[in-house]
């Protein structure tokens, strides 16, 4: 009962609310902020790219140095997770762009004028994009699709499909492993979308409740909460970025292909295969040669 009273008093709505309709398409309050946040990301990153091409002696502002510092750190993280430089250069631009987009959309959503400050026919005109499940679910779908495209480019269409669908008669364990991998793809989709939506929506509701309960004292308390929410926004964007890189690294890795290559070999064939490697000057651990782990 108390929760319903608070929701009615502060207009808490889990879903985004339509504010107008254009050509039969409902425009929600989160769409307006999404467009504004998208333009902000494009302008800021374009500005940083322009400034980064200037000589090191040229003076750079705080936000430019912050953007370059973030990009460098994120790119180093991708290189640590995906050592292959060719694959790293493919995954890094997409994952880093997601980080900046999610972080800036989060910060746009906690601005003071977002929410009940501006209304249209009794409905808040602006809503944080990341607090809309449609937005986070769309980001998760886009991430999974891009990862599948990367895996298809790396392994080929049949090779990528073979990670999930295998002959149950010839390889029953592989068939079971493929089913688990297929279920894991859907679980990643749900985890990426629901985790981001839940954290962002909870943070915005927390700010609204503190503002409503503290009333005149809110100007003294809200700055500390805003600092905390900015920290949380960076963490949420980094977690989404890290999971994207890890999922992409798993999708384009050759571990499955290597294991399936050695799975059907006998000990004699495996030893002869290792002798070929030794003849090429490659070192093979002694444990592999004896068949021990």
Protein backbone atom coordinates (compact mmCIF):
# COMPACT_ATOMS: atom_id res chain seq x y z
CA UNK A 1 0.00 0.00 0.00
CA UNK A 2 2.83 2.36 0.88
CA UNK A 3 4.59 1.48 -2.38
CA UNK A 4 1.44 2.27 -4.36
CA UNK A 5 1.08 5.61 -2.59
CA UNK A 6 4.68 6.55 -3.35
CA UNK A 7 4.33 5.47 -6.96
CA UNK A 8 1.22 7.60 -7.37
CA UNK A 9 2.70 10.62 -5.57
CA UNK A 10 5.98 10.55 -7.55
CA UNK A 11 4.67 9.07 -10.81
CA UNK A 12 6.89 5.99 -10.85
CA UNK A 13 6.34 3.96 -14.02
CA UNK A 14 8.36 0.89 -15.00
CA UNK A 15 7.57 1.22 -18.70
CA UNK A 16 8.22 4.24 -20.87
CA UNK A 17 5.12 6.35 -21.50
CA UNK A 18 4.00 7.68 -24.89
CA UNK A 19 3.77 11.44 -25.20
CA UNK A 20 2.72 11.78 -28.85
CA UNK A 21 2.03 9.71 -31.95
CA UNK A 22 3.55 10.22 -35.38
CA UNK A 23 2.39 8.24 -38.44
CA UNK A 24 0.93 5.57 -36.21
CA UNK A 25 4.14 5.22 -34.18
CA UNK A 26 4.05 6.13 -30.50
CA UNK A 27 6.90 8.36 -29.39
CA UNK A 28 7.82 7.68 -25.75
CA UNK A 29 9.54 10.02 -23.31
CA UNK A 30 12.65 7.79 -23.30
CA UNK A 31 13.00 8.12 -27.08
CA UNK A 32 13.49 11.89 -26.84
CA UNK A 33 16.32 11.53 -24.34
CA UNK A 34 17.79 8.67 -26.37
CA UNK A 35 18.09 10.89 -29.44
CA UNK A 36 19.62 13.69 -27.36
CA UNK A 37 22.09 11.30 -25.73
CA UNK A 38 23.01 9.76 -29.09
CA UNK A 39 23.78 13.17 -30.57
CA UNK A 40 25.82 14.04 -27.48
CA UNK A 41 27.90 10.87 -27.88
CA UNK A 42 28.53 11.55 -31.58
CA UNK A 43 29.55 15.18 -30.99
CA UNK A 44 31.79 14.40 -28.01
CA UNK A 45 33.59 11.45 -29.61
CA UNK A 46 34.05 13.37 -32.89
CA UNK A 47 35.53 16.26 -30.92
CA UNK A 48 37.88 13.92 -29.05
CA UNK A 49 38.97 12.26 -32.32
CA UNK A 50 39.72 15.67 -33.80
CA UNK A 51 41.71 16.79 -30.77
CA UNK A 52 43.65 13.53 -30.54
CA UNK A 53 45.09 14.10 -34.02
CA UNK A 54 46.71 17.33 -32.88
CA UNK A 55 50.35 17.37 -31.70
CA UNK A 56 50.98 16.34 -28.10
CA UNK A 57 52.19 19.86 -27.36
CA UNK A 58 48.73 21.25 -28.19
CA UNK A 59 46.59 22.12 -25.18
CA UNK A 60 43.71 19.73 -24.53
CA UNK A 61 40.74 20.35 -22.26
CA UNK A 62 39.66 18.20 -19.33
CA UNK A 63 36.91 16.32 -21.19
CA UNK A 64 39.25 15.62 -24.10
CA UNK A 65 41.91 14.19 -21.81
CA UNK A 66 39.25 12.23 -19.95
CA UNK A 67 37.95 10.71 -23.19
CA UNK A 68 41.45 9.78 -24.38
CA UNK A 69 42.28 8.29 -20.98
CA UNK A 70 39.10 6.20 -20.99
CA UNK A 71 39.65 5.01 -24.56
CA UNK A 72 43.25 4.00 -23.84
CA UNK A 73 42.28 2.10 -20.70
CA UNK A 74 39.39 0.33 -22.40
CA UNK A 75 41.49 -0.64 -25.40
CA UNK A 76 44.16 -2.08 -23.11
CA UNK A 77 41.43 -4.09 -21.37
CA UNK A 78 40.31 -5.53 -24.72
CA UNK A 79 43.90 -6.48 -25.54
CA UNK A 80 44.24 -8.29 -22.21
CA UNK A 81 41.05 -10.29 -22.78
CA UNK A 82 41.66 -10.92 -26.52
CA UNK A 83 45.42 -11.26 -27.14
CA UNK A 84 44.99 -11.74 -30.91
CA UNK A 85 45.63 -8.22 -32.32
CA UNK A 86 43.56 -8.81 -35.46
CA UNK A 87 40.47 -9.87 -33.51
CA UNK A 88 41.11 -7.16 -30.92
CA UNK A 89 40.91 -4.45 -33.59
CA UNK A 90 37.55 -5.87 -34.70
CA UNK A 91 35.97 -6.14 -31.24
CA UNK A 92 37.39 -2.99 -29.61
CA UNK A 93 35.56 -0.27 -31.61
CA UNK A 94 32.12 -1.80 -31.01
CA UNK A 95 32.67 -2.56 -27.30
CA UNK A 96 34.23 0.84 -26.53
CA UNK A 97 31.42 2.65 -28.37
CA UNK A 98 28.91 0.76 -26.21
CA UNK A 99 30.72 1.91 -23.08
CA UNK A 100 30.58 5.59 -23.99
CA UNK A 101 26.99 5.35 -25.21
CA UNK A 102 25.70 3.62 -22.06
CA UNK A 103 27.67 5.87 -19.70
CA UNK A 104 26.52 9.12 -21.31
CA UNK A 105 22.93 7.89 -21.56
CA UNK A 106 23.07 7.08 -17.85
CA UNK A 107 24.34 10.55 -16.97
CA UNK A 108 21.73 12.20 -19.18
CA UNK A 109 19.01 10.25 -17.38
CA UNK A 110 19.91 11.61 -13.92
CA UNK A 111 19.94 15.27 -14.89
CA UNK A 112 17.69 17.40 -12.62
CA UNK A 113 15.26 18.35 -15.38
CA UNK A 114 14.65 14.71 -16.38
CA UNK A 115 11.57 13.16 -14.85
CA UNK A 116 8.73 15.05 -13.21
CA UNK A 117 10.35 18.48 -13.64
CA UNK A 118 8.84 18.86 -17.13
CA UNK A 119 5.49 17.23 -17.93
CA UNK A 120 3.29 16.93 -21.03
CA UNK A 121 -0.40 16.27 -20.36
CA UNK A 122 0.47 14.94 -16.93
CA UNK A 123 3.22 12.65 -18.25
CA UNK A 124 6.95 13.32 -17.68
CA UNK A 125 8.32 14.66 -20.95
CA UNK A 126 11.81 13.21 -20.47
CA UNK A 127 12.94 9.83 -19.15
CA UNK A 128 16.37 8.24 -18.91
CA UNK A 129 16.93 5.94 -21.92
CA UNK A 130 18.65 3.23 -19.89
CA UNK A 131 15.65 3.12 -17.53
CA UNK A 132 13.56 1.81 -20.45
CA UNK A 133 13.65 -1.98 -20.84
CA UNK A 134 13.10 -1.60 -24.59
CA UNK A 135 16.38 0.32 -24.85
CA UNK A 136 18.47 -2.10 -22.78
CA UNK A 137 16.92 -5.11 -24.51
CA UNK A 138 17.69 -3.52 -27.88
CA UNK A 139 21.33 -2.98 -26.84
CA UNK A 140 21.58 -6.61 -25.74
CA UNK A 141 20.08 -7.85 -29.03
CA UNK A 142 22.47 -5.65 -31.01
CA UNK A 143 25.41 -6.98 -28.99
CA UNK A 144 24.50 -10.63 -29.56
CA UNK A 145 23.91 -10.05 -33.29
CA UNK A 146 27.27 -8.29 -33.75
CA UNK A 147 29.04 -11.06 -31.83
CA UNK A 148 27.41 -13.69 -34.07
CA UNK A 149 28.53 -11.75 -37.15
CA UNK A 150 32.09 -11.69 -35.80
CA UNK A 151 31.95 -15.43 -35.12
CA UNK A 152 30.61 -16.10 -38.63
CA UNK A 153 33.43 -14.07 -40.17
CA UNK A 154 35.99 -15.95 -38.08
CA UNK A 155 34.67 -19.52 -38.38
CA UNK A 156 32.45 -19.31 -41.46
CA UNK A 157 28.70 -19.89 -41.48
CA UNK A 158 28.88 -23.67 -41.09
CA UNK A 159 31.60 -23.44 -38.47
CA UNK A 160 29.60 -20.98 -36.38
CA UNK A 161 26.42 -23.04 -36.63
CA UNK A 162 28.46 -26.10 -35.73
CA UNK A 163 29.16 -24.58 -32.33
CA UNK A 164 25.49 -25.11 -31.46
CA UNK A 165 24.19 -27.94 -33.70
CA UNK A 166 26.07 -31.24 -33.76
CA UNK A 167 25.17 -34.78 -34.75
CA UNK A 168 23.81 -36.50 -31.60
CA UNK A 169 24.69 -39.96 -32.97
CA UNK A 170 28.32 -39.30 -33.84
CA UNK A 171 29.05 -36.84 -31.03
CA UNK A 172 26.48 -37.07 -28.20
CA UNK A 173 28.59 -35.04 -25.76
CA UNK A 174 29.17 -32.38 -28.39
CA UNK A 175 25.44 -32.30 -29.10
CA UNK A 176 24.72 -31.70 -25.41
CA UNK A 177 27.47 -29.07 -25.27
CA UNK A 178 25.94 -27.28 -28.26
CA UNK A 179 22.54 -27.17 -26.58
CA UNK A 180 24.09 -25.66 -23.47
CA UNK A 181 25.87 -23.07 -25.61
CA UNK A 182 22.60 -22.20 -27.34
CA UNK A 183 20.86 -21.76 -23.98
CA UNK A 184 23.80 -19.65 -22.81
CA UNK A 185 23.30 -17.24 -25.73
CA UNK A 186 19.71 -16.55 -24.63
CA UNK A 187 20.76 -16.24 -20.99
CA UNK A 188 23.39 -13.66 -21.98
CA UNK A 189 20.72 -11.70 -23.81
CA UNK A 190 18.48 -11.61 -20.74
CA UNK A 191 21.34 -10.93 -18.33
CA UNK A 192 22.72 -7.98 -20.32
CA UNK A 193 19.34 -6.28 -20.67
CA UNK A 194 17.82 -6.94 -17.24
CA UNK A 195 20.95 -6.13 -15.25
CA UNK A 196 21.41 -2.74 -16.88
CA UNK A 197 17.71 -1.86 -16.72
CA UNK A 198 17.35 -2.91 -13.07
CA UNK A 199 20.34 -0.92 -11.84
CA UNK A 200 19.48 2.23 -13.77
CA UNK A 201 15.80 2.19 -12.86
CA UNK A 202 16.59 1.57 -9.19
CA UNK A 203 19.05 4.48 -9.16
CA UNK A 204 16.53 6.92 -10.64
CA UNK A 205 13.80 5.77 -8.22
CA UNK A 206 16.24 6.25 -5.33
CA UNK A 207 16.87 9.86 -6.37
CA UNK A 208 13.12 10.50 -6.62
CA UNK A 209 12.40 9.00 -3.21
CA UNK A 210 15.18 10.96 -1.50
CA UNK A 211 13.97 14.17 -3.14
CA UNK A 212 10.35 13.50 -2.12
CA UNK A 213 11.14 12.50 1.47
CA UNK A 214 13.73 15.15 2.32
CA UNK A 215 11.82 18.01 0.66
CA UNK A 216 13.66 21.24 1.58
CA UNK A 217 16.80 19.38 2.71
CA UNK A 218 17.18 17.63 -0.65
CA UNK A 219 19.61 20.25 -2.07
CA UNK A 220 22.04 19.24 0.68
CA UNK A 221 21.72 15.49 0.17
CA UNK A 222 21.29 15.16 -3.58
CA UNK A 223 24.83 16.26 -4.56
CA UNK A 224 26.28 13.27 -2.69
CA UNK A 225 23.77 10.94 -4.34
CA UNK A 226 24.55 12.40 -7.76
CA UNK A 227 28.26 11.73 -7.23
CA UNK A 228 27.42 8.17 -6.20
CA UNK A 229 25.15 7.70 -9.23
CA UNK A 230 27.88 8.98 -11.56
CA UNK A 231 30.20 6.34 -10.12
CA UNK A 232 27.50 3.67 -10.52
CA UNK A 233 26.89 4.76 -14.13
CA UNK A 234 30.54 4.28 -14.99
CA UNK A 235 30.55 0.85 -13.32
CA UNK A 236 27.41 -0.28 -15.19
CA UNK A 237 28.84 0.83 -18.53
CA UNK A 238 32.14 -0.92 -17.78
CA UNK A 239 30.40 -4.17 -16.78
CA UNK A 240 28.38 -4.15 -20.04
CA UNK A 241 31.59 -3.42 -21.97
CA UNK A 242 33.53 -6.21 -20.20
CA UNK A 243 30.79 -8.78 -20.76
CA UNK A 244 30.61 -7.83 -24.44
CA UNK A 245 34.36 -8.30 -24.86
CA UNK A 246 34.33 -11.63 -23.01
CA UNK A 247 31.38 -12.96 -25.03
CA UNK A 248 33.01 -11.82 -28.27
CA UNK A 249 36.31 -13.42 -27.26
CA UNK A 250 34.58 -16.73 -26.55
CA UNK A 251 32.71 -16.61 -29.85
CA UNK A 252 35.79 -16.03 -32.02
CA UNK A 253 38.18 -18.29 -30.09
CA UNK A 254 39.56 -21.46 -31.68
CA UNK A 255 39.44 -23.59 -28.54
CA UNK A 256 36.41 -25.52 -29.70
CA UNK A 257 37.94 -26.22 -33.07
CA UNK A 258 41.24 -27.36 -31.53
CA UNK A 259 39.56 -29.64 -29.01
CA UNK A 260 37.38 -31.24 -31.70
CA UNK A 261 40.49 -31.73 -33.83
CA UNK A 262 42.28 -33.70 -31.10
CA UNK A 263 39.15 -35.46 -29.84
CA UNK A 264 39.10 -38.11 -32.55
CA UNK A 265 42.87 -38.77 -32.64
CA UNK A 266 44.50 -41.81 -31.12
CA UNK A 267 47.58 -41.56 -28.87
CA UNK A 268 49.84 -42.61 -31.72
CA UNK A 269 48.34 -40.05 -34.09
CA UNK A 270 48.55 -37.36 -31.42
CA UNK A 271 52.22 -38.10 -30.82
CA UNK A 272 52.93 -38.01 -34.56
CA UNK A 273 51.10 -34.69 -34.75
CA UNK A 274 53.29 -33.34 -31.95
CA UNK A 275 56.42 -34.67 -33.72
CA UNK A 276 55.43 -32.58 -36.73
CA UNK A 277 55.22 -29.53 -34.46
CA UNK A 278 58.64 -30.34 -33.00
CA UNK A 279 60.12 -30.63 -36.47
CA UNK A 280 58.91 -27.11 -37.13
CA UNK A 281 60.77 -25.83 -34.08
CA UNK A 282 57.72 -25.50 -31.78
CA UNK A 283 58.04 -26.52 -28.14
CA UNK A 284 55.55 -29.12 -26.84
CA UNK A 285 55.25 -29.69 -23.06
CA UNK A 286 56.48 -33.02 -21.78
CA UNK A 287 53.07 -33.74 -20.25
CA UNK A 288 51.46 -33.65 -23.71
CA UNK A 289 53.95 -36.13 -25.10
CA UNK A 290 53.28 -38.67 -22.35
CA UNK A 291 49.50 -38.21 -22.48
CA UNK A 292 49.40 -36.98 -18.85
CA UNK A 293 47.69 -33.78 -17.67
